[in-house]
Amino acid sequence: MIAKHGDDSGDDSGDVITLSPHCVALTIAGSDPSGGAGLQADLKTFQQLGVYGMSVVTLVTVQNTLGVRRVEVLTPDLVIDQIRAVREDIEPLAVKTGALGSVAIVEAVSAEMATVPVPVVVDPVLVSKHGDSLADESVVVAYKDWLLPHATLVTPNRFEAEMLSGVSVDSEKSGVKAARVLRDLGAECVLIKMGACEGKSLHVLAMGDQVVSLWMPRLDANNTHGTGCILSAAIACGFAKGNGDVQEVVEFGLQEVFKAIHVNTGLGRGIHPAEVRALGS
């Protein structure tokens, strides 16, 4: 809804347009200069889905569609100063976390999330979709001990779910088991991105004692760079818009990611970015 504030003279040239309601989301994540993942993908997703986006930078990467070449992690105090500067002025209606980079940042962000009265979506960027480790065991332990207890929803891929739960995740049944372990670690809800299973795409969603398997068609596509970021950001958008039904918000996010993968950008010589401009269509 758009409300115009001005006089009734019929001349709208000086009117101020106010967008309402004020849907605001914050991403706490790393930077991807190629624009396909990280906070860049989050902000594009927020914008495309009608949510005002704010960002806190945790680390800077040197990467493109062919891979990551270098990572520089910011100091915890700089990350926390960013969060506090944003929150003291514009309080978000939902928060999502992406790559945090170090034990110290995980612990510091966790302490801040304990004071956030809105849904927190935790995307634990620990392992790539190809199974390559992006964090050492100490960071995994920090997630388990500090951040998961503050997560409204945690969204690991199956490799990350294995690291966090200690369960070998290679089937729907083991995915359900891992999801329950992560619930016991403190996460309110858990969404495990299982990937290919029986020719389809499977996601296991645990909400309290209820566990559901969400099946979708699997697209044979090379434009999947950033899909995890887009999914968690789209879910955060659902929460920011006031939808508290976790399954509805997750299904909305999955449908949006499907749209992004369905359109091939052809950008880059590696794994192409998913097309964020297809969201909301």
C-alpha atoms as a PDB file:
ATOM      1  CA  MET A   1       0.000   0.000   0.000  1.00  0.00           C
ATOM      2  CA  ILE A   2       1.281   3.499  -0.906  1.00  0.00           C
ATOM      3  CA  ALA A   3       0.017   6.543   0.959  1.00  0.00           C
ATOM      4  CA  LYS A   4       0.685  10.066  -0.333  1.00  0.00           C
ATOM      5  CA  HIS A   5       1.084  12.954   2.071  1.00  0.00           C
ATOM      6  CA  GLY A   6       0.628  16.458   0.670  1.00  0.00           C
ATOM      7  CA  ASP A   7      -1.975  19.068  -0.115  1.00  0.00           C
ATOM      8  CA  ASP A   8      -5.155  18.456  -2.091  1.00  0.00           C
ATOM      9  CA  SER A   9      -4.357  20.895  -4.887  1.00  0.00           C
ATOM     10  CA  GLY A  10      -3.975  18.122  -7.423  1.00  0.00           C
ATOM     11  CA  ASP A  11      -0.297  18.912  -7.933  1.00  0.00           C
ATOM     12  CA  ASP A  12       1.572  15.838  -6.676  1.00  0.00           C
ATOM     13  CA  SER A  13       5.013  17.095  -7.670  1.00  0.00           C
ATOM     14  CA  GLY A  14       5.919  17.937  -4.083  1.00  0.00           C
ATOM     15  CA  ASP A  15       4.243  14.999  -2.382  1.00  0.00           C
ATOM     16  CA  VAL A  16       6.135  12.565  -0.204  1.00  0.00           C
ATOM     17  CA  ILE A  17       5.270   8.942  -0.847  1.00  0.00           C
ATOM     18  CA  THR A  18       5.295   6.671   2.186  1.00  0.00           C
ATOM     19  CA  LEU A  19       5.487   2.936   1.750  1.00  0.00           C
ATOM     20  CA  SER A  20       3.485   1.003   4.320  1.00  0.00           C
ATOM     21  CA  PRO A  21       3.814  -1.291   6.188  1.00  0.00           C
ATOM     22  CA  HIS A  22       7.500  -0.918   7.033  1.00  0.00           C
ATOM     23  CA  CYS A  23       8.978  -4.377   6.391  1.00  0.00           C
ATOM     24  CA  VAL A  24      12.641  -4.330   7.378  1.00  0.00           C
ATOM     25  CA  ALA A  25      15.173  -7.176   7.489  1.00  0.00           C
ATOM     26  CA  LEU A  26      18.837  -7.330   8.484  1.00  0.00           C
ATOM     27  CA  THR A  27      21.479  -9.665   7.090  1.00  0.00           C
ATOM     28  CA  ILE A  28      24.704 -10.348   8.977  1.00  0.00           C
ATOM     29  CA  ALA A  29      26.943 -11.973   6.402  1.00  0.00           C
ATOM     30  CA  GLY A  30      30.033 -11.939   4.226  1.00  0.00           C
ATOM     31  CA  SER A  31      30.590 -10.037   1.001  1.00  0.00           C
ATOM     32  CA  ASP A  32      30.692 -11.687  -2.437  1.00  0.00           C
ATOM     33  CA  PRO A  33      32.072  -9.166  -4.958  1.00  0.00           C
ATOM     34  CA  SER A  34      30.607 -11.153  -7.857  1.00  0.00           C
ATOM     35  CA  GLY A  35      27.145 -10.401  -6.441  1.00  0.00           C
ATOM     36  CA  GLY A  36      25.824 -13.953  -6.588  1.00  0.00           C
ATOM     37  CA  ALA A  37      25.901 -14.883  -2.914  1.00  0.00           C
ATOM     38  CA  GLY A  38      26.524 -13.401   0.516  1.00  0.00           C
ATOM     39  CA  LEU A  39      25.054 -10.126   1.642  1.00  0.00           C
ATOM     40  CA  GLN A  40      24.727  -8.959  -1.975  1.00  0.00           C
ATOM     41  CA  ALA A  41      22.325 -11.815  -2.753  1.00  0.00           C
ATOM     42  CA  ASP A  42      20.497 -11.186   0.522  1.00  0.00           C
ATOM     43  CA  LEU A  43      19.946  -7.504  -0.192  1.00  0.00           C
ATOM     44  CA  LYS A  44      18.796  -8.196  -3.756  1.00  0.00           C
ATOM     45  CA  THR A  45      16.346 -10.778  -2.416  1.00  0.00           C
ATOM     46  CA  PHE A  46      14.997  -8.376   0.198  1.00  0.00           C
ATOM     47  CA  GLN A  47      14.515  -5.668  -2.418  1.00  0.00           C
ATOM     48  CA  GLN A  48      12.897  -7.983  -4.943  1.00  0.00           C
ATOM     49  CA  LEU A  49      10.417  -9.259  -2.345  1.00  0.00           C
ATOM     50  CA  GLY A  50       9.410  -5.828  -1.092  1.00  0.00           C
ATOM     51  CA  VAL A  51      11.458  -5.684   2.098  1.00  0.00           C
ATOM     52  CA  TYR A  52      13.827  -2.872   3.078  1.00  0.00           C
ATOM     53  CA  GLY A  53      17.233  -4.490   3.552  1.00  0.00           C
ATOM     54  CA  MET A  54      20.079  -3.627   5.902  1.00  0.00           C
ATOM     55  CA  SER A  55      23.451  -5.368   6.087  1.00  0.00           C
ATOM     56  CA  VAL A  56      26.267  -5.963   8.532  1.00  0.00           C
ATOM     57  CA  VAL A  57      29.544  -7.149   6.992  1.00  0.00           C
ATOM     58  CA  THR A  58      31.356 -10.000   8.781  1.00  0.00           C
ATOM     59  CA  LEU A  59      34.029 -10.829   6.235  1.00  0.00           C
ATOM     60  CA  VAL A  60      35.254  -9.859   2.795  1.00  0.00           C
ATOM     61  CA  THR A  61      35.935 -12.481   0.155  1.00  0.00           C
ATOM     62  CA  VAL A  62      37.852 -12.388  -3.090  1.00  0.00           C
ATOM     63  CA  GLN A  63      35.770 -14.642  -5.306  1.00  0.00           C
ATOM     64  CA  ASN A  64      33.872 -15.061  -8.549  1.00  0.00           C
ATOM     65  CA  THR A  65      31.819 -17.839 -10.111  1.00  0.00           C
ATOM     66  CA  LEU A  66      34.951 -19.998 -10.371  1.00  0.00           C
ATOM     67  CA  GLY A  67      35.703 -20.047  -6.654  1.00  0.00           C
ATOM     68  CA  VAL A  68      36.956 -18.273  -3.543  1.00  0.00           C
ATOM     69  CA  ARG A  69      40.541 -16.972  -3.587  1.00  0.00           C
ATOM     70  CA  ARG A  70      40.866 -15.099  -0.327  1.00  0.00           C
ATOM     71  CA  VAL A  71      38.901 -14.340   2.860  1.00  0.00           C
ATOM     72  CA  GLU A  72      39.510 -11.534   5.335  1.00  0.00           C
ATOM     73  CA  VAL A  73      37.457 -11.704   8.544  1.00  0.00           C
ATOM     74  CA  LEU A  74      36.541  -8.477  10.321  1.00  0.00           C
ATOM     75  CA  THR A  75      37.148  -7.996  14.027  1.00  0.00           C
ATOM     76  CA  PRO A  76      34.250  -8.937  16.340  1.00  0.00           C
ATOM     77  CA  ASP A  77      33.984  -5.425  17.783  1.00  0.00           C
ATOM     78  CA  LEU A  78      33.556  -3.936  14.297  1.00  0.00           C
ATOM     79  CA  VAL A  79      30.803  -6.445  13.509  1.00  0.00           C
ATOM     80  CA  ILE A  80      29.010  -5.729  16.788  1.00  0.00           C
ATOM     81  CA  ASP A  81      29.350  -1.957  16.326  1.00  0.00           C
ATOM     82  CA  GLN A  82      27.604  -2.301  12.961  1.00  0.00           C
ATOM     83  CA  ILE A  83      24.748  -4.324  14.464  1.00  0.00           C
ATOM     84  CA  ARG A  84      24.238  -1.869  17.306  1.00  0.00           C
ATOM     85  CA  ALA A  85      24.414   1.182  15.038  1.00  0.00           C
ATOM     86  CA  VAL A  86      21.670  -0.288  12.851  1.00  0.00           C
ATOM     87  CA  ARG A  87      19.456  -1.457  15.694  1.00  0.00           C
ATOM     88  CA  GLU A  88      19.566   1.757  17.706  1.00  0.00           C
ATOM     89  CA  ASP A  89      18.120   3.574  14.697  1.00  0.00           C
ATOM     90  CA  ILE A  90      16.127   1.047  12.637  1.00  0.00           C
ATOM     91  CA  GLU A  91      15.008  -2.109  14.420  1.00  0.00           C
ATOM     92  CA  PRO A  92      14.608  -5.004  11.928  1.00  0.00           C
ATOM     93  CA  LEU A  93      11.533  -7.226  11.877  1.00  0.00           C
ATOM     94  CA  ALA A  94      13.661 -10.251  10.973  1.00  0.00           C
ATOM     95  CA  VAL A  95      17.363 -11.112  10.996  1.00  0.00           C
ATOM     96  CA  LYS A  96      19.348 -13.656   9.014  1.00  0.00           C
ATOM     97  CA  THR A  97      22.941 -14.690   9.495  1.00  0.00           C
ATOM     98  CA  GLY A  98      25.271 -16.024   6.826  1.00  0.00           C
ATOM     99  CA  ALA A  99      29.022 -16.547   6.890  1.00  0.00           C
ATOM    100  CA  LEU A 100      30.414 -15.431  10.261  1.00  0.00           C
ATOM    101  CA  GLY A 101      34.008 -16.539   9.797  1.00  0.00           C
ATOM    102  CA  SER A 102      35.375 -17.070  13.303  1.00  0.00           C
ATOM    103  CA  VAL A 103      34.549 -18.370  16.756  1.00  0.00           C
ATOM    104  CA  ALA A 104      34.808 -14.860  18.181  1.00  0.00           C
ATOM    105  CA  ILE A 105      32.266 -13.470  15.697  1.00  0.00           C
ATOM    106  CA  VAL A 106      29.875 -16.396  16.241  1.00  0.00           C
ATOM    107  CA  GLU A 107      29.979 -15.801  19.997  1.00  0.00           C
ATOM    108  CA  ALA A 108      29.619 -12.019  19.671  1.00  0.00           C
ATOM    109  CA  VAL A 109      26.723 -12.236  17.189  1.00  0.00           C
ATOM    110  CA  SER A 110      25.040 -14.851  19.375  1.00  0.00           C
ATOM    111  CA  ALA A 111      25.108 -12.476  22.345  1.00  0.00           C
ATOM    112  CA  GLU A 112      23.449  -9.807  20.204  1.00  0.00           C
ATOM    113  CA  MET A 113      20.820 -12.249  18.913  1.00  0.00           C
ATOM    114  CA  ALA A 114      19.859 -13.006  22.513  1.00  0.00           C
ATOM    115  CA  THR A 115      18.539  -9.423  22.698  1.00  0.00           C
ATOM    116  CA  VAL A 116      16.693  -9.442  19.352  1.00  0.00           C
ATOM    117  CA  PRO A 117      12.903  -9.756  19.797  1.00  0.00           C
ATOM    118  CA  VAL A 118      12.273 -10.890  16.201  1.00  0.00           C
ATOM    119  CA  PRO A 119      12.727 -14.119  14.189  1.00  0.00           C
ATOM    120  CA  VAL A 120      16.350 -15.080  13.521  1.00  0.00           C
ATOM    121  CA  VAL A 121      17.175 -17.259  10.492  1.00  0.00           C
ATOM    122  CA  VAL A 122      20.589 -18.910  10.812  1.00  0.00           C
ATOM    123  CA  ASP A 123      22.224 -20.085   7.594  1.00  0.00           C
ATOM    124  CA  PRO A 124      25.330 -21.863   8.940  1.00  0.00           C
ATOM    125  CA  VAL A 125      27.841 -21.369   6.155  1.00  0.00           C
ATOM    126  CA  LEU A 126      30.166 -24.192   7.196  1.00  0.00           C
ATOM    127  CA  VAL A 127      30.352 -26.478   4.148  1.00  0.00           C
ATOM    128  CA  SER A 128      29.866 -25.763   0.450  1.00  0.00           C
ATOM    129  CA  LYS A 129      27.150 -27.534  -1.491  1.00  0.00           C
ATOM    130  CA  HIS A 130      29.959 -29.712  -2.912  1.00  0.00           C
ATOM    131  CA  GLY A 131      31.058 -30.861   0.556  1.00  0.00           C
ATOM    132  CA  ASP A 132      34.136 -28.620   0.933  1.00  0.00           C
ATOM    133  CA  SER A 133      34.705 -27.455   4.527  1.00  0.00           C
ATOM    134  CA  LEU A 134      34.569 -23.680   5.038  1.00  0.00           C
ATOM    135  CA  ALA A 135      35.146 -23.670   8.816  1.00  0.00           C
ATOM    136  CA  ASP A 136      37.108 -25.617  11.391  1.00  0.00           C
ATOM    137  CA  GLU A 137      35.693 -27.681  14.243  1.00  0.00           C
ATOM    138  CA  SER A 138      35.912 -24.819  16.752  1.00  0.00           C
ATOM    139  CA  VAL A 139      33.486 -22.740  14.655  1.00  0.00           C
ATOM    140  CA  VAL A 140      31.095 -25.701  14.440  1.00  0.00           C
ATOM    141  CA  VAL A 141      31.177 -26.050  18.226  1.00  0.00           C
ATOM    142  CA  ALA A 142      30.534 -22.314  18.618  1.00  0.00           C
ATOM    143  CA  TYR A 143      27.446 -22.563  16.416  1.00  0.00           C
ATOM    144  CA  LYS A 144      26.139 -25.472  18.483  1.00  0.00           C
ATOM    145  CA  ASP A 145      26.871 -23.900  21.857  1.00  0.00           C
ATOM    146  CA  TRP A 146      26.095 -20.267  21.156  1.00  0.00           C
ATOM    147  CA  LEU A 147      24.030 -19.496  18.054  1.00  0.00           C
ATOM    148  CA  LEU A 148      21.596 -22.389  17.546  1.00  0.00           C
ATOM    149  CA  PRO A 149      19.766 -21.685  20.832  1.00  0.00           C
ATOM    150  CA  HIS A 150      18.809 -18.258  19.419  1.00  0.00           C
ATOM    151  CA  ALA A 151      17.676 -19.526  15.991  1.00  0.00           C
ATOM    152  CA  THR A 152      14.025 -19.378  15.036  1.00  0.00           C
ATOM    153  CA  LEU A 153      15.058 -21.461  12.037  1.00  0.00           C
ATOM    154  CA  VAL A 154      18.423 -22.951  11.073  1.00  0.00           C
ATOM    155  CA  THR A 155      18.951 -23.888   7.405  1.00  0.00           C
ATOM    156  CA  PRO A 156      21.975 -26.200   6.970  1.00  0.00           C
ATOM    157  CA  ASN A 157      22.718 -28.175   3.832  1.00  0.00           C
ATOM    158  CA  ARG A 158      23.136 -31.889   4.447  1.00  0.00           C
ATOM    159  CA  PHE A 159      26.909 -31.619   4.960  1.00  0.00           C
ATOM    160  CA  GLU A 160      26.467 -28.868   7.533  1.00  0.00           C
ATOM    161  CA  ALA A 161      23.729 -30.880   9.202  1.00  0.00           C
ATOM    162  CA  GLU A 162      26.183 -33.769   9.534  1.00  0.00           C
ATOM    163  CA  MET A 163      28.819 -31.518  11.124  1.00  0.00           C
ATOM    164  CA  LEU A 164      26.360 -29.971  13.569  1.00  0.00           C
ATOM    165  CA  SER A 165      24.420 -33.101  14.500  1.00  0.00           C
ATOM    166  CA  GLY A 166      27.032 -35.855  14.221  1.00  0.00           C
ATOM    167  CA  VAL A 167      24.533 -37.859  12.152  1.00  0.00           C
ATOM    168  CA  SER A 168      25.482 -39.207   8.727  1.00  0.00           C
ATOM    169  CA  VAL A 169      22.883 -37.607   6.448  1.00  0.00           C
ATOM    170  CA  ASP A 170      22.330 -39.584   3.248  1.00  0.00           C
ATOM    171  CA  SER A 171      18.594 -40.319   3.162  1.00  0.00           C
ATOM    172  CA  GLU A 172      15.221 -38.906   4.139  1.00  0.00           C
ATOM    173  CA  LYS A 173      15.250 -41.006   7.321  1.00  0.00           C
ATOM    174  CA  SER A 174      18.698 -39.812   8.419  1.00  0.00           C
ATOM    175  CA  GLY A 175      17.732 -36.233   7.552  1.00  0.00           C
ATOM    176  CA  VAL A 176      14.793 -36.488   9.930  1.00  0.00           C
ATOM    177  CA  LYS A 177      17.089 -37.851  12.646  1.00  0.00           C
ATOM    178  CA  ALA A 178      19.596 -35.028  12.174  1.00  0.00           C
ATOM    179  CA  ALA A 179      16.839 -32.414  12.226  1.00  0.00           C
ATOM    180  CA  ARG A 180      15.639 -33.716  15.591  1.00  0.00           C
ATOM    181  CA  VAL A 181      19.183 -33.585  16.986  1.00  0.00           C
ATOM    182  CA  LEU A 182      19.503 -29.944  15.909  1.00  0.00           C
ATOM    183  CA  ARG A 183      16.160 -29.198  17.552  1.00  0.00           C
ATOM    184  CA  ASP A 184      17.532 -30.709  20.761  1.00  0.00           C
ATOM    185  CA  LEU A 185      20.562 -28.398  20.478  1.00  0.00           C
ATOM    186  CA  GLY A 186      18.236 -25.435  20.870  1.00  0.00           C
ATOM    187  CA  ALA A 187      17.062 -24.367  17.411  1.00  0.00           C
ATOM    188  CA  GLU A 188      13.323 -23.679  17.430  1.00  0.00           C
ATOM    189  CA  CYS A 189      12.897 -25.074  13.908  1.00  0.00           C
ATOM    190  CA  VAL A 190      15.246 -26.814  11.462  1.00  0.00           C
ATOM    191  CA  LEU A 191      15.281 -26.954   7.656  1.00  0.00           C
ATOM    192  CA  ILE A 192      17.828 -29.376   6.175  1.00  0.00           C
ATOM    193  CA  LYS A 193      18.593 -28.854   2.496  1.00  0.00           C
ATOM    194  CA  MET A 194      19.072 -32.470   1.447  1.00  0.00           C
ATOM    195  CA  GLY A 195      19.643 -31.813  -2.255  1.00  0.00           C
ATOM    196  CA  ALA A 196      18.976 -34.591  -4.749  1.00  0.00           C
ATOM    197  CA  CYS A 197      17.006 -37.528  -3.396  1.00  0.00           C
ATOM    198  CA  GLU A 198      15.098 -40.090  -5.478  1.00  0.00           C
ATOM    199  CA  GLY A 199      15.301 -37.816  -8.507  1.00  0.00           C
ATOM    200  CA  LYS A 200      13.754 -34.834  -6.739  1.00  0.00           C
ATOM    201  CA  SER A 201      14.870 -32.029  -4.418  1.00  0.00           C
ATOM    202  CA  LEU A 202      14.209 -32.792  -0.749  1.00  0.00           C
ATOM    203  CA  HIS A 203      14.055 -30.506   2.273  1.00  0.00           C
ATOM    204  CA  VAL A 204      13.369 -31.838   5.763  1.00  0.00           C
ATOM    205  CA  LEU A 205      11.585 -29.404   8.072  1.00  0.00           C
ATOM    206  CA  ALA A 206      11.350 -29.964  11.837  1.00  0.00           C
ATOM    207  CA  MET A 207       8.974 -27.822  13.891  1.00  0.00           C
ATOM    208  CA  GLY A 208       8.668 -28.910  17.476  1.00  0.00           C
ATOM    209  CA  ASP A 209       7.747 -32.596  17.476  1.00  0.00           C
ATOM    210  CA  GLN A 210       6.490 -32.396  13.890  1.00  0.00           C
ATOM    211  CA  VAL A 211       8.784 -33.279  10.979  1.00  0.00           C
ATOM    212  CA  VAL A 212       7.681 -32.920   7.354  1.00  0.00           C
ATOM    213  CA  SER A 213       9.440 -33.746   4.091  1.00  0.00           C
ATOM    214  CA  LEU A 214       9.098 -31.102   1.394  1.00  0.00           C
ATOM    215  CA  TRP A 215       9.618 -32.434  -2.141  1.00  0.00           C
ATOM    216  CA  MET A 216      10.126 -30.281  -5.217  1.00  0.00           C
ATOM    217  CA  PRO A 217      11.102 -30.924  -8.838  1.00  0.00           C
ATOM    218  CA  ARG A 218      14.866 -30.911  -9.312  1.00  0.00           C
ATOM    219  CA  LEU A 219      16.176 -28.708 -12.096  1.00  0.00           C
ATOM    220  CA  ASP A 220      19.277 -29.805 -13.998  1.00  0.00           C
ATOM    221  CA  ALA A 221      20.904 -26.386 -13.968  1.00  0.00           C
ATOM    222  CA  ASN A 222      24.311 -24.804 -13.453  1.00  0.00           C
ATOM    223  CA  ASN A 223      22.979 -21.485 -12.132  1.00  0.00           C
ATOM    224  CA  THR A 224      22.862 -22.332  -8.428  1.00  0.00           C
ATOM    225  CA  HIS A 225      25.456 -19.950  -6.985  1.00  0.00           C
ATOM    226  CA  GLY A 226      23.852 -18.195  -4.023  1.00  0.00           C
ATOM    227  CA  THR A 227      20.737 -20.358  -3.717  1.00  0.00           C
ATOM    228  CA  GLY A 228      21.289 -21.010  -0.012  1.00  0.00           C
ATOM    229  CA  CYS A 229      21.585 -17.291   0.646  1.00  0.00           C
ATOM    230  CA  ILE A 230      18.505 -16.520  -1.437  1.00  0.00           C
ATOM    231  CA  LEU A 231      16.472 -19.181   0.381  1.00  0.00           C
ATOM    232  CA  SER A 232      17.294 -17.968   3.885  1.00  0.00           C
ATOM    233  CA  ALA A 233      16.828 -14.334   2.819  1.00  0.00           C
ATOM    234  CA  ALA A 234      13.424 -15.086   1.267  1.00  0.00           C
ATOM    235  CA  ILE A 235      12.383 -16.861   4.472  1.00  0.00           C
ATOM    236  CA  ALA A 236      13.513 -13.822   6.474  1.00  0.00           C
ATOM    237  CA  CYS A 237      11.320 -11.690   4.190  1.00  0.00           C
ATOM    238  CA  GLY A 238       8.315 -13.836   5.052  1.00  0.00           C
ATOM    239  CA  PHE A 239       8.973 -13.338   8.751  1.00  0.00           C
ATOM    240  CA  ALA A 240       9.547  -9.589   8.279  1.00  0.00           C
ATOM    241  CA  LYS A 241       6.141  -9.319   6.628  1.00  0.00           C
ATOM    242  CA  GLY A 242       4.540 -10.779   9.730  1.00  0.00           C
ATOM    243  CA  ASN A 243       3.940 -14.379   8.715  1.00  0.00           C
ATOM    244  CA  GLY A 244       4.670 -16.527  11.752  1.00  0.00           C
ATOM    245  CA  ASP A 245       3.721 -19.838  10.144  1.00  0.00           C
ATOM    246  CA  VAL A 246       7.141 -21.463   9.687  1.00  0.00           C
ATOM    247  CA  GLN A 247       6.041 -24.060   7.129  1.00  0.00           C
ATOM    248  CA  GLU A 248       4.281 -21.427   5.007  1.00  0.00           C
ATOM    249  CA  VAL A 249       7.317 -19.155   5.099  1.00  0.00           C
ATOM    250  CA  VAL A 250       9.672 -22.019   4.209  1.00  0.00           C
ATOM    251  CA  GLU A 251       7.482 -23.167   1.316  1.00  0.00           C
ATOM    252  CA  PHE A 252       7.357 -19.571   0.066  1.00  0.00           C
ATOM    253  CA  GLY A 253      11.154 -19.407   0.172  1.00  0.00           C
ATOM    254  CA  LEU A 254      11.530 -22.689  -1.702  1.00  0.00           C
ATOM    255  CA  GLN A 255       9.169 -21.543  -4.449  1.00  0.00           C
ATOM    256  CA  GLU A 256      11.136 -18.320  -4.866  1.00  0.00           C
ATOM    257  CA  VAL A 257      14.456 -20.178  -5.122  1.00  0.00           C
ATOM    258  CA  PHE A 258      12.917 -22.475  -7.747  1.00  0.00           C
ATOM    259  CA  LYS A 259      12.066 -19.368  -9.799  1.00  0.00           C
ATOM    260  CA  ALA A 260      15.641 -18.086  -9.468  1.00  0.00           C
ATOM    261  CA  ILE A 261      17.162 -21.376 -10.646  1.00  0.00           C
ATOM    262  CA  HIS A 262      14.652 -21.740 -13.471  1.00  0.00           C
ATOM    263  CA  VAL A 263      16.046 -18.646 -15.231  1.00  0.00           C
ATOM    264  CA  ASN A 264      19.598 -19.129 -16.529  1.00  0.00           C
ATOM    265  CA  THR A 265      21.667 -15.955 -16.353  1.00  0.00           C
ATOM    266  CA  GLY A 266      24.684 -17.460 -18.132  1.00  0.00           C
ATOM    267  CA  LEU A 267      26.864 -15.103 -16.101  1.00  0.00           C
ATOM    268  CA  GLY A 268      30.423 -16.163 -15.370  1.00  0.00           C
ATOM    269  CA  ARG A 269      32.562 -19.112 -16.437  1.00  0.00           C
ATOM    270  CA  GLY A 270      31.874 -21.216 -13.335  1.00  0.00           C
ATOM    271  CA  ILE A 271      28.659 -21.876 -11.421  1.00  0.00           C
ATOM    272  CA  HIS A 272      26.267 -19.192 -12.645  1.00  0.00           C
ATOM    273  CA  PRO A 273      24.420 -17.038 -10.103  1.00  0.00           C
ATOM    274  CA  ALA A 274      20.759 -17.817  -9.562  1.00  0.00           C
ATOM    275  CA  GLU A 275      18.592 -15.099 -11.117  1.00  0.00           C
ATOM    276  CA  VAL A 276      17.307 -12.977  -8.231  1.00  0.00           C
ATOM    277  CA  ARG A 277      15.338 -10.780 -10.629  1.00  0.00           C
ATOM    278  CA  ALA A 278      12.922 -13.676 -11.132  1.00  0.00           C
ATOM    279  CA  LEU A 279      11.785 -13.468  -7.510  1.00  0.00           C
ATOM    280  CA  GLY A 280       8.364 -12.105  -6.699  1.00  0.00           C
ATOM    281  CA  SER A 281       7.064 -12.737 -10.203  1.00  0.00           C
END
